[in-house]
Amino acid sequence: EKLISRLIDEARAIGYSKILLDSDPYMSSAHGLYKSMGFVETAPYS
């Protein structure tokens, strides 16, 4: 949680408007953590 929170702050400071990620299906704990930080599922990205 601390790592993701700091990364979000850093991304904003750099000037990004969006953060994407891909994650393996067996990483369900990480998925829950990302969702708790505001991430939502989306389509694959190129």
All heavy atoms as atom14 arrays in JSON, in Angstrom:
{
  "sequence": "EKLISRLIDEARAIGYSKILLDSDPYMSSAHGLYKSMGFVETAPYS",
  "atom14_mask": [
    [1, 1, 1, 1, 1, 1, 1, 1, 1, 0, 0, 0, 0, 0],
    [1, 1, 1, 1, 1, 1, 1, 1, 1, 0, 0, 0, 0, 0],
    [1, 1, 1, 1, 1, 1, 1, 1, 0, 0, 0, 0, 0, 0],
    [1, 1, 1, 1, 1, 1, 1, 1, 0, 0, 0, 0, 0, 0],
    [1, 1, 1, 1, 1, 1, 0, 0, 0, 0, 0, 0, 0, 0],
    [1, 1, 1, 1, 1, 1, 1, 1, 1, 1, 1, 0, 0, 0],
    [1, 1, 1, 1, 1, 1, 1, 1, 0, 0, 0, 0, 0, 0],
    [1, 1, 1, 1, 1, 1, 1, 1, 0, 0, 0, 0, 0, 0],
    [1, 1, 1, 1, 1, 1, 1, 1, 0, 0, 0, 0, 0, 0],
    [1, 1, 1, 1, 1, 1, 1, 1, 1, 0, 0, 0, 0, 0],
    [1, 1, 1, 1, 1, 0, 0, 0, 0, 0, 0, 0, 0, 0],
    [1, 1, 1, 1, 1, 1, 1, 1, 1, 1, 1, 0, 0, 0],
    [1, 1, 1, 1, 1, 0, 0, 0, 0, 0, 0, 0, 0, 0],
    [1, 1, 1, 1, 1, 1, 1, 1, 0, 0, 0, 0, 0, 0],
    [1, 1, 1, 1, 0, 0, 0, 0, 0, 0, 0, 0, 0, 0],
    [1, 1, 1, 1, 1, 1, 1, 1, 1, 1, 1, 1, 0, 0],
    [1, 1, 1, 1, 1, 1, 0, 0, 0, 0, 0, 0, 0, 0],
    [1, 1, 1, 1, 1, 1, 1, 1, 1, 0, 0, 0, 0, 0],
    [1, 1, 1, 1, 1, 1, 1, 1, 0, 0, 0, 0, 0, 0],
    [1, 1, 1, 1, 1, 1, 1, 1, 0, 0, 0, 0, 0, 0],
    [1, 1, 1, 1, 1, 1, 1, 1, 0, 0, 0, 0, 0, 0],
    [1, 1, 1, 1, 1, 1, 1, 1, 0, 0, 0, 0, 0, 0],
    [1, 1, 1, 1, 1, 1, 0, 0, 0, 0, 0, 0, 0, 0],
    [1, 1, 1, 1, 1, 1, 1, 1, 0, 0, 0, 0, 0, 0],
    [1, 1, 1, 1, 1, 1, 1, 0, 0, 0, 0, 0, 0, 0],
    [1, 1, 1, 1, 1, 1, 1, 1, 1, 1, 1, 1, 0, 0],
    [1, 1, 1, 1, 1, 1, 1, 1, 0, 0, 0, 0, 0, 0],
    [1, 1, 1, 1, 1, 1, 0, 0, 0, 0, 0, 0, 0, 0],
    [1, 1, 1, 1, 1, 1, 0, 0, 0, 0, 0, 0, 0, 0],
    [1, 1, 1, 1, 1, 0, 0, 0, 0, 0, 0, 0, 0, 0],
    [1, 1, 1, 1, 1, 1, 1, 1, 1, 1, 0, 0, 0, 0],
    [1, 1, 1, 1, 0, 0, 0, 0, 0, 0, 0, 0, 0, 0],
    [1, 1, 1, 1, 1, 1, 1, 1, 0, 0, 0, 0, 0, 0],
    [1, 1, 1, 1, 1, 1, 1, 1, 1, 1, 1, 1, 0, 0],
    [1, 1, 1, 1, 1, 1, 1, 1, 1, 0, 0, 0, 0, 0],
    [1, 1, 1, 1, 1, 1, 0, 0, 0, 0, 0, 0, 0, 0],
    [1, 1, 1, 1, 1, 1, 1, 1, 0, 0, 0, 0, 0, 0],
    [1, 1, 1, 1, 0, 0, 0, 0, 0, 0, 0, 0, 0, 0],
    [1, 1, 1, 1, 1, 1, 1, 1, 1, 1, 1, 0, 0, 0],
    [1, 1, 1, 1, 1, 1, 1, 0, 0, 0, 0, 0, 0, 0],
    [1, 1, 1, 1, 1, 1, 1, 1, 1, 0, 0, 0, 0, 0],
    [1, 1, 1, 1, 1, 1, 1, 0, 0, 0, 0, 0, 0, 0],
    [1, 1, 1, 1, 1, 0, 0, 0, 0, 0, 0, 0, 0, 0],
    [1, 1, 1, 1, 1, 1, 1, 0, 0, 0, 0, 0, 0, 0],
    [1, 1, 1, 1, 1, 1, 1, 1, 1, 1, 1, 1, 0, 0],
    [1, 1, 1, 1, 1, 1, 0, 0, 0, 0, 0, 0, 0, 0]
  ],
  "atom14_positions": [
    [[0.83, -1.21, 0.0], [0.0, 0.0, 0.0], [0.87, 1.26, 0.0], [0.61, 2.21, -0.75], [-0.92, -0.02, 1.22], [-1.89, 1.14, 1.28], [-2.8, 1.02, 2.5], [-3.39, -0.05, 2.7], [-2.89, 2.03, 3.23], [0.0, 0.0, 0.0], [0.0, 0.0, 0.0], [0.0, 0.0, 0.0], [0.0, 0.0, 0.0], [0.0, 0.0, 0.0]],
    [[1.91, 1.26, 0.8], [2.81, 2.42, 0.87], [3.54, 2.63, -0.46], [3.7, 3.76, -0.92], [3.82, 2.25, 2.01], [3.18, 2.34, 3.37], [4.16, 2.03, 4.47], [3.43, 2.02, 5.81], [4.31, 1.67, 6.92], [0.0, 0.0, 0.0], [0.0, 0.0, 0.0], [0.0, 0.0, 0.0], [0.0, 0.0, 0.0], [0.0, 0.0, 0.0]],
    [[3.97, 1.53, -1.08], [4.65, 1.63, -2.37], [3.71, 2.18, -3.45], [4.09, 3.08, -4.21], [5.21, 0.27, -2.79], [6.47, -0.2, -2.07], [6.7, -1.69, -2.3], [7.68, 0.62, -2.51], [0.0, 0.0, 0.0], [0.0, 0.0, 0.0], [0.0, 0.0, 0.0], [0.0, 0.0, 0.0], [0.0, 0.0, 0.0], [0.0, 0.0, 0.0]],
    [[2.51, 1.64, -3.53], [1.56, 2.1, -4.54], [1.19, 3.56, -4.31], [1.15, 4.36, -5.25], [0.29, 1.22, -4.57], [0.64, -0.19, -5.05], [-0.77, 1.83, -5.49], [-0.48, -1.19, -4.88], [0.0, 0.0, 0.0], [0.0, 0.0, 0.0], [0.0, 0.0, 0.0], [0.0, 0.0, 0.0], [0.0, 0.0, 0.0], [0.0, 0.0, 0.0]],
    [[0.93, 3.91, -3.07], [0.56, 5.3, -2.76], [1.66, 6.27, -3.18], [1.4, 7.3, -3.81], [0.28, 5.42, -1.26], [-0.07, 6.73, -0.92], [0.0, 0.0, 0.0], [0.0, 0.0, 0.0], [0.0, 0.0, 0.0], [0.0, 0.0, 0.0], [0.0, 0.0, 0.0], [0.0, 0.0, 0.0], [0.0, 0.0, 0.0], [0.0, 0.0, 0.0]],
    [[2.89, 5.94, -2.85], [4.02, 6.8, -3.22], [4.17, 6.86, -4.75], [4.43, 7.92, -5.32], [5.3, 6.29, -2.57], [6.57, 6.98, -2.99], [6.67, 8.43, -2.46], [7.91, 9.01, -2.9], [9.07, 8.91, -2.25], [9.15, 8.26, -1.1], [10.16, 9.47, -2.74], [0.0, 0.0, 0.0], [0.0, 0.0, 0.0], [0.0, 0.0, 0.0]],
    [[3.97, 5.72, -5.42], [4.08, 5.68, -6.88], [3.01, 6.56, -7.53], [3.29, 7.27, -8.5], [3.98, 4.25, -7.39], [4.44, 4.07, -8.82], [5.96, 4.09, -8.9], [3.91, 2.78, -9.4], [0.0, 0.0, 0.0], [0.0, 0.0, 0.0], [0.0, 0.0, 0.0], [0.0, 0.0, 0.0], [0.0, 0.0, 0.0], [0.0, 0.0, 0.0]],
    [[1.81, 6.53, -7.01], [0.73, 7.38, -7.53], [1.12, 8.85, -7.36], [0.96, 9.65, -8.3], [-0.61, 7.06, -6.82], [-1.1, 5.67, -7.24], [-1.65, 8.14, -7.13], [-2.26, 5.14, -6.41], [0.0, 0.0, 0.0], [0.0, 0.0, 0.0], [0.0, 0.0, 0.0], [0.0, 0.0, 0.0], [0.0, 0.0, 0.0], [0.0, 0.0, 0.0]],
    [[1.63, 9.22, -6.2], [2.09, 10.6, -5.97], [3.18, 10.98, -6.96], [3.17, 12.09, -7.51], [2.6, 10.77, -4.54], [1.51, 10.69, -3.49], [0.31, 10.8, -3.85], [1.86, 10.51, -2.3], [0.0, 0.0, 0.0], [0.0, 0.0, 0.0], [0.0, 0.0, 0.0], [0.0, 0.0, 0.0], [0.0, 0.0, 0.0], [0.0, 0.0, 0.0]],
    [[4.12, 10.08, -7.19], [5.22, 10.35, -8.13], [4.68, 10.5, -9.55], [5.13, 11.38, -10.29], [6.26, 9.22, -8.07], [6.99, 9.12, -6.76], [8.05, 10.19, -6.55], [8.58, 10.72, -7.55], [8.35, 10.51, -5.39], [0.0, 0.0, 0.0], [0.0, 0.0, 0.0], [0.0, 0.0, 0.0], [0.0, 0.0, 0.0], [0.0, 0.0, 0.0]],
    [[3.74, 9.65, -9.94], [3.16, 9.73, -11.29], [2.46, 11.07, -11.49], [2.59, 11.7, -12.55], [2.19, 8.58, -11.52], [0.0, 0.0, 0.0], [0.0, 0.0, 0.0], [0.0, 0.0, 0.0], [0.0, 0.0, 0.0], [0.0, 0.0, 0.0], [0.0, 0.0, 0.0], [0.0, 0.0, 0.0], [0.0, 0.0, 0.0], [0.0, 0.0, 0.0]],
    [[1.73, 11.52, -10.5], [1.07, 12.84, -10.58], [2.1, 13.95, -10.71], [1.95, 14.88, -11.51], [0.21, 13.07, -9.35], [-1.1, 12.35, -9.36], [-2.02, 12.82, -8.22], [-3.28, 12.13, -8.29], [-3.71, 11.27, -7.4], [-3.0, 10.99, -6.32], [-4.88, 10.67, -7.54], [0.0, 0.0, 0.0], [0.0, 0.0, 0.0], [0.0, 0.0, 0.0]],
    [[3.16, 13.86, -9.91], [4.2, 14.9, -9.93], [4.89, 14.96, -11.3], [5.26, 16.04, -11.76], [5.23, 14.64, -8.83], [0.0, 0.0, 0.0], [0.0, 0.0, 0.0], [0.0, 0.0, 0.0], [0.0, 0.0, 0.0], [0.0, 0.0, 0.0], [0.0, 0.0, 0.0], [0.0, 0.0, 0.0], [0.0, 0.0, 0.0], [0.0, 0.0, 0.0]],
    [[5.07, 13.82, -11.93], [5.68, 13.79, -13.26], [4.74, 14.41, -14.29], [5.19, 15.01, -15.26], [6.04, 12.33, -13.65], [7.17, 11.81, -12.76], [6.43, 12.23, -15.13], [7.41, 10.31, -12.87], [0.0, 0.0, 0.0], [0.0, 0.0, 0.0], [0.0, 0.0, 0.0], [0.0, 0.0, 0.0], [0.0, 0.0, 0.0], [0.0, 0.0, 0.0]],
    [[3.43, 14.28, -14.07], [2.46, 14.84, -14.99], [1.64, 13.82, -15.76], [0.95, 14.16, -16.72], [0.0, 0.0, 0.0], [0.0, 0.0, 0.0], [0.0, 0.0, 0.0], [0.0, 0.0, 0.0], [0.0, 0.0, 0.0], [0.0, 0.0, 0.0], [0.0, 0.0, 0.0], [0.0, 0.0, 0.0], [0.0, 0.0, 0.0], [0.0, 0.0, 0.0]],
    [[1.67, 12.58, -15.33], [0.86, 11.55, -15.99], [-0.62, 11.75, -15.66], [-0.97, 12.19, -14.57], [1.3, 10.15, -15.54], [2.67, 9.77, -16.04], [3.68, 9.44, -15.14], [2.96, 9.73, -17.4], [4.94, 9.08, -15.59], [4.22, 9.37, -17.85], [5.2, 9.05, -16.94], [6.45, 8.7, -17.39], [0.0, 0.0, 0.0], [0.0, 0.0, 0.0]],
    [[-1.48, 11.38, -16.61], [-2.92, 11.44, -16.39], [-3.52, 10.06, -16.14], [-4.67, 9.95, -15.73], [-3.63, 12.08, -17.59], [-3.48, 11.27, -18.74], [0.0, 0.0, 0.0], [0.0, 0.0, 0.0], [0.0, 0.0, 0.0], [0.0, 0.0, 0.0], [0.0, 0.0, 0.0], [0.0, 0.0, 0.0], [0.0, 0.0, 0.0], [0.0, 0.0, 0.0]],
    [[-2.72, 9.02, -16.39], [-3.21, 7.66, -16.24], [-2.05, 6.72, -15.93], [-0.95, 6.9, -16.42], [-3.89, 7.21, -17.53], [-4.55, 5.85, -17.48], [-5.01, 5.33, -18.84], [-6.06, 6.18, -19.47], [-6.61, 5.54, -20.69], [0.0, 0.0, 0.0], [0.0, 0.0, 0.0], [0.0, 0.0, 0.0], [0.0, 0.0, 0.0], [0.0, 0.0, 0.0]],
    [[-2.36, 5.71, -15.11], [-1.42, 4.62, -14.85], [-2.1, 3.32, -15.29], [-3.24, 3.06, -14.92], [-1.06, 4.5, -13.35], [-0.47, 5.8, -12.81], [-0.09, 3.34, -13.14], [-0.25, 5.79, -11.29], [0.0, 0.0, 0.0], [0.0, 0.0, 0.0], [0.0, 0.0, 0.0], [0.0, 0.0, 0.0], [0.0, 0.0, 0.0], [0.0, 0.0, 0.0]],
    [[-1.39, 2.52, -16.08], [-1.88, 1.22, -16.51], [-1.05, 0.12, -15.86], [0.08, 0.38, -15.42], [-1.77, 1.09, -18.04], [-2.59, 2.05, -18.88], [-2.21, 1.94, -20.35], [-4.08, 1.81, -18.68], [0.0, 0.0, 0.0], [0.0, 0.0, 0.0], [0.0, 0.0, 0.0], [0.0, 0.0, 0.0], [0.0, 0.0, 0.0], [0.0, 0.0, 0.0]],
    [[-1.58, -1.08, -15.83], [-0.8, -2.23, -15.39], [-1.4, -3.51, -15.95], [-2.57, -3.56, -16.3], [-0.72, -2.31, -13.86], [-2.0, -2.54, -13.06], [-2.28, -4.04, -12.9], [-1.87, -1.91, -11.69], [0.0, 0.0, 0.0], [0.0, 0.0, 0.0], [0.0, 0.0, 0.0], [0.0, 0.0, 0.0], [0.0, 0.0, 0.0], [0.0, 0.0, 0.0]],
    [[-0.53, -4.51, -16.08], [-0.99, -5.86, -16.37], [-0.52, -6.74, -15.22], [0.52, -6.5, -14.63], [-0.48, -6.37, -17.72], [1.03, -6.3, -17.88], [1.76, -6.73, -16.96], [1.49, -5.83, -18.92], [0.0, 0.0, 0.0], [0.0, 0.0, 0.0], [0.0, 0.0, 0.0], [0.0, 0.0, 0.0], [0.0, 0.0, 0.0], [0.0, 0.0, 0.0]],
    [[-1.34, -7.71, -14.88], [-1.04, -8.53, -13.7], [-1.47, -9.96, -13.96], [-2.51, -10.22, -14.55], [-1.78, -7.96, -12.49], [-1.52, -8.71, -11.34], [0.0, 0.0, 0.0], [0.0, 0.0, 0.0], [0.0, 0.0, 0.0], [0.0, 0.0, 0.0], [0.0, 0.0, 0.0], [0.0, 0.0, 0.0], [0.0, 0.0, 0.0], [0.0, 0.0, 0.0]],
    [[-0.66, -10.88, -13.48], [-0.99, -12.29, -13.63], [-2.22, -12.65, -12.8], [-2.43, -12.07, -11.73], [0.2, -13.14, -13.18], [1.37, -13.02, -14.14], [1.27, -13.57, -15.25], [2.37, -12.36, -13.78], [0.0, 0.0, 0.0], [0.0, 0.0, 0.0], [0.0, 0.0, 0.0], [0.0, 0.0, 0.0], [0.0, 0.0, 0.0], [0.0, 0.0, 0.0]],
    [[-3.02, -13.59, -13.27], [-4.27, -13.93, -12.58], [-4.07, -14.5, -11.17], [-4.97, -14.38, -10.34], [-4.92, -14.96, -13.51], [-3.84, -15.48, -14.36], [-2.83, -14.37, -14.49], [0.0, 0.0, 0.0], [0.0, 0.0, 0.0], [0.0, 0.0, 0.0], [0.0, 0.0, 0.0], [0.0, 0.0, 0.0], [0.0, 0.0, 0.0], [0.0, 0.0, 0.0]],
    [[-2.92, -15.08, -10.88], [-2.69, -15.66, -9.55], [-2.31, -14.6, -8.52], [-2.14, -14.91, -7.35], [-1.61, -16.75, -9.62], [-0.34, -16.32, -10.3], [0.61, -15.57, -9.64], [-0.12, -16.65, -11.63], [1.77, -15.16, -10.27], [1.04, -16.24, -12.27], [1.98, -15.51, -11.59], [3.12, -15.09, -12.23], [0.0, 0.0, 0.0], [0.0, 0.0, 0.0]],
    [[-2.22, -13.35, -8.92], [-1.84, -12.28, -7.99], [-3.08, -11.59, -7.41], [-3.19, -10.37, -7.4], [-0.94, -11.27, -8.7], [0.38, -11.83, -9.13], [1.41, -10.56, -9.88], [2.92, -11.44, -10.12], [0.0, 0.0, 0.0], [0.0, 0.0, 0.0], [0.0, 0.0, 0.0], [0.0, 0.0, 0.0], [0.0, 0.0, 0.0], [0.0, 0.0, 0.0]],
    [[-4.0, -12.38, -6.9], [-5.28, -11.84, -6.43], [-5.11, -10.86, -5.27], [-5.88, -9.89, -5.17], [-6.24, -12.97, -6.06], [-5.64, -13.81, -5.1], [0.0, 0.0, 0.0], [0.0, 0.0, 0.0], [0.0, 0.0, 0.0], [0.0, 0.0, 0.0], [0.0, 0.0, 0.0], [0.0, 0.0, 0.0], [0.0, 0.0, 0.0], [0.0, 0.0, 0.0]],
    [[-4.14, -11.07, -4.41], [-3.91, -10.11, -3.32], [-3.53, -8.74, -3.87], [-4.01, -7.72, -3.4], [-2.81, -10.6, -2.39], [-3.21, -11.77, -1.73], [0.0, 0.0, 0.0], [0.0, 0.0, 0.0], [0.0, 0.0, 0.0], [0.0, 0.0, 0.0], [0.0, 0.0, 0.0], [0.0, 0.0, 0.0], [0.0, 0.0, 0.0], [0.0, 0.0, 0.0]],
    [[-2.67, -8.74, -4.9], [-2.28, -7.48, -5.53], [-3.47, -6.82, -6.2], [-3.64, -5.6, -6.12], [-1.16, -7.71, -6.54], [0.0, 0.0, 0.0], [0.0, 0.0, 0.0], [0.0, 0.0, 0.0], [0.0, 0.0, 0.0], [0.0, 0.0, 0.0], [0.0, 0.0, 0.0], [0.0, 0.0, 0.0], [0.0, 0.0, 0.0], [0.0, 0.0, 0.0]],
    [[-4.34, -7.62, -6.84], [-5.53, -7.05, -7.5], [-6.4, -6.32, -6.48], [-6.88, -5.22, -6.74], [-6.34, -8.12, -8.21], [-5.54, -8.9, -9.2], [-5.87, -10.18, -9.56], [-4.43, -8.61, -9.9], [-5.0, -10.64, -10.43], [-4.11, -9.7, -10.65], [0.0, 0.0, 0.0], [0.0, 0.0, 0.0], [0.0, 0.0, 0.0], [0.0, 0.0, 0.0]],
    [[-6.61, -6.96, -5.34], [-7.41, -6.33, -4.29], [-6.77, -5.04, -3.79], [-7.45, -4.04, -3.55], [0.0, 0.0, 0.0], [0.0, 0.0, 0.0], [0.0, 0.0, 0.0], [0.0, 0.0, 0.0], [0.0, 0.0, 0.0], [0.0, 0.0, 0.0], [0.0, 0.0, 0.0], [0.0, 0.0, 0.0], [0.0, 0.0, 0.0], [0.0, 0.0, 0.0]],
    [[-5.46, -5.06, -3.65], [-4.74, -3.87, -3.21], [-4.86, -2.74, -4.23], [-5.17, -1.6, -3.88], [-3.28, -4.21, -2.95], [-2.38, -3.09, -2.45], [-2.93, -2.45, -1.19], [-0.97, -3.62, -2.22], [0.0, 0.0, 0.0], [0.0, 0.0, 0.0], [0.0, 0.0, 0.0], [0.0, 0.0, 0.0], [0.0, 0.0, 0.0], [0.0, 0.0, 0.0]],
    [[-4.65, -3.07, -5.5], [-4.8, -2.05, -6.55], [-6.22, -1.47, -6.54], [-6.39, -0.25, -6.63], [-4.49, -2.63, -7.93], [-3.02, -2.86, -8.2], [-2.55, -4.11, -8.59], [-2.09, -1.83, -8.1], [-1.2, -4.33, -8.86], [-0.75, -2.04, -8.37], [-0.31, -3.29, -8.74], [1.02, -3.49, -9.01], [0.0, 0.0, 0.0], [0.0, 0.0, 0.0]],
    [[-7.22, -2.32, -6.44], [-8.6, -1.84, -6.42], [-8.85, -0.93, -5.23], [-9.54, 0.09, -5.36], [-9.58, -3.02, -6.43], [-9.65, -3.71, -7.77], [-10.58, -4.92, -7.75], [-10.58, -5.59, -9.12], [-11.4, -6.81, -9.13], [0.0, 0.0, 0.0], [0.0, 0.0, 0.0], [0.0, 0.0, 0.0], [0.0, 0.0, 0.0], [0.0, 0.0, 0.0]],
    [[-8.28, -1.26, -4.07], [-8.46, -0.42, -2.89], [-7.81, 0.95, -3.07], [-8.18, 1.91, -2.39], [-7.9, -1.11, -1.65], [-6.48, -1.06, -1.62], [0.0, 0.0, 0.0], [0.0, 0.0, 0.0], [0.0, 0.0, 0.0], [0.0, 0.0, 0.0], [0.0, 0.0, 0.0], [0.0, 0.0, 0.0], [0.0, 0.0, 0.0], [0.0, 0.0, 0.0]],
    [[-6.86, 1.05, -4.01], [-6.17, 2.31, -4.28], [-6.81, 3.06, -5.46], [-6.28, 4.08, -5.9], [-4.69, 2.05, -4.57], [-3.95, 1.33, -3.45], [-3.87, 2.26, -1.91], [-2.68, 3.51, -2.32], [0.0, 0.0, 0.0], [0.0, 0.0, 0.0], [0.0, 0.0, 0.0], [0.0, 0.0, 0.0], [0.0, 0.0, 0.0], [0.0, 0.0, 0.0]],
    [[-7.92, 2.54, -6.0], [-8.66, 3.25, -7.04], [-8.52, 2.7, -8.44], [-9.14, 3.21, -9.37], [0.0, 0.0, 0.0], [0.0, 0.0, 0.0], [0.0, 0.0, 0.0], [0.0, 0.0, 0.0], [0.0, 0.0, 0.0], [0.0, 0.0, 0.0], [0.0, 0.0, 0.0], [0.0, 0.0, 0.0], [0.0, 0.0, 0.0], [0.0, 0.0, 0.0]],
    [[-7.71, 1.67, -8.64], [-7.56, 1.08, -9.96], [-8.83, 0.3, -10.31], [-9.49, -0.26, -9.43], [-6.37, 0.1, -9.99], [-5.03, 0.77, -10.06], [-4.43, 1.28, -8.93], [-4.35, 0.86, -11.26], [-3.18, 1.88, -8.98], [-3.09, 1.45, -11.33], [-2.51, 1.97, -10.18], [0.0, 0.0, 0.0], [0.0, 0.0, 0.0], [0.0, 0.0, 0.0]],
    [[-9.16, 0.28, -11.6], [-10.29, -0.5, -12.1], [-9.82, -1.36, -13.26], [-8.86, -1.02, -13.96], [-11.46, 0.41, -12.56], [-12.04, 1.19, -11.38], [-11.04, 1.35, -13.66], [0.0, 0.0, 0.0], [0.0, 0.0, 0.0], [0.0, 0.0, 0.0], [0.0, 0.0, 0.0], [0.0, 0.0, 0.0], [0.0, 0.0, 0.0], [0.0, 0.0, 0.0]],
    [[-10.52, -2.47, -13.46], [-10.16, -3.35, -14.58], [-10.48, -2.66, -15.9], [-11.43, -1.88, -16.0], [-10.87, -4.69, -14.46], [-10.3, -5.52, -13.32], [-10.74, -6.96, -13.33], [-10.9, -7.55, -14.43], [-10.92, -7.51, -12.23], [0.0, 0.0, 0.0], [0.0, 0.0, 0.0], [0.0, 0.0, 0.0], [0.0, 0.0, 0.0], [0.0, 0.0, 0.0]],
    [[-9.66, -2.94, -16.9], [-9.8, -2.33, -18.22], [-9.41, -3.35, -19.28], [-8.98, -4.46, -18.96], [-8.92, -1.05, -18.31], [-9.24, -0.35, -19.51], [-7.44, -1.38, -18.27], [0.0, 0.0, 0.0], [0.0, 0.0, 0.0], [0.0, 0.0, 0.0], [0.0, 0.0, 0.0], [0.0, 0.0, 0.0], [0.0, 0.0, 0.0], [0.0, 0.0, 0.0]],
    [[-9.53, -2.95, -20.52], [-9.14, -3.81, -21.64], [-7.62, -3.85, -21.76], [-6.93, -2.95, -21.28], [-9.75, -3.27, -22.93], [0.0, 0.0, 0.0], [0.0, 0.0, 0.0], [0.0, 0.0, 0.0], [0.0, 0.0, 0.0], [0.0, 0.0, 0.0], [0.0, 0.0, 0.0], [0.0, 0.0, 0.0], [0.0, 0.0, 0.0], [0.0, 0.0, 0.0]],
    [[-7.09, -4.88, -22.43], [-5.64, -4.9, -22.69], [-5.2, -3.64, -23.44], [-5.98, -3.05, -24.18], [-5.46, -6.15, -23.56], [-6.63, -7.01, -23.26], [-7.76, -6.06, -22.96], [0.0, 0.0, 0.0], [0.0, 0.0, 0.0], [0.0, 0.0, 0.0], [0.0, 0.0, 0.0], [0.0, 0.0, 0.0], [0.0, 0.0, 0.0], [0.0, 0.0, 0.0]],
    [[-3.97, -3.24, -23.23], [-3.44, -2.06, -23.91], [-2.25, -2.48, -24.76], [-1.55, -3.44, -24.45], [-3.07, -0.95, -22.91], [-2.19, -1.4, -21.76], [-0.81, -1.22, -21.79], [-2.75, -1.99, -20.63], [-0.01, -1.63, -20.75], [-1.95, -2.4, -19.57], [-0.59, -2.21, -19.64], [0.22, -2.62, -18.6], [0.0, 0.0, 0.0], [0.0, 0.0, 0.0]],
    [[-2.04, -1.75, -25.84], [-1.08, -2.18, -26.87], [0.36, -2.21, -26.36], [1.17, -2.99, -26.87], [-1.18, -1.29, -28.1], [-0.89, 0.05, -27.76], [0.0, 0.0, 0.0], [0.0, 0.0, 0.0], [0.0, 0.0, 0.0], [0.0, 0.0, 0.0], [0.0, 0.0, 0.0], [0.0, 0.0, 0.0], [0.0, 0.0, 0.0], [0.0, 0.0, 0.0]]
  ]
}
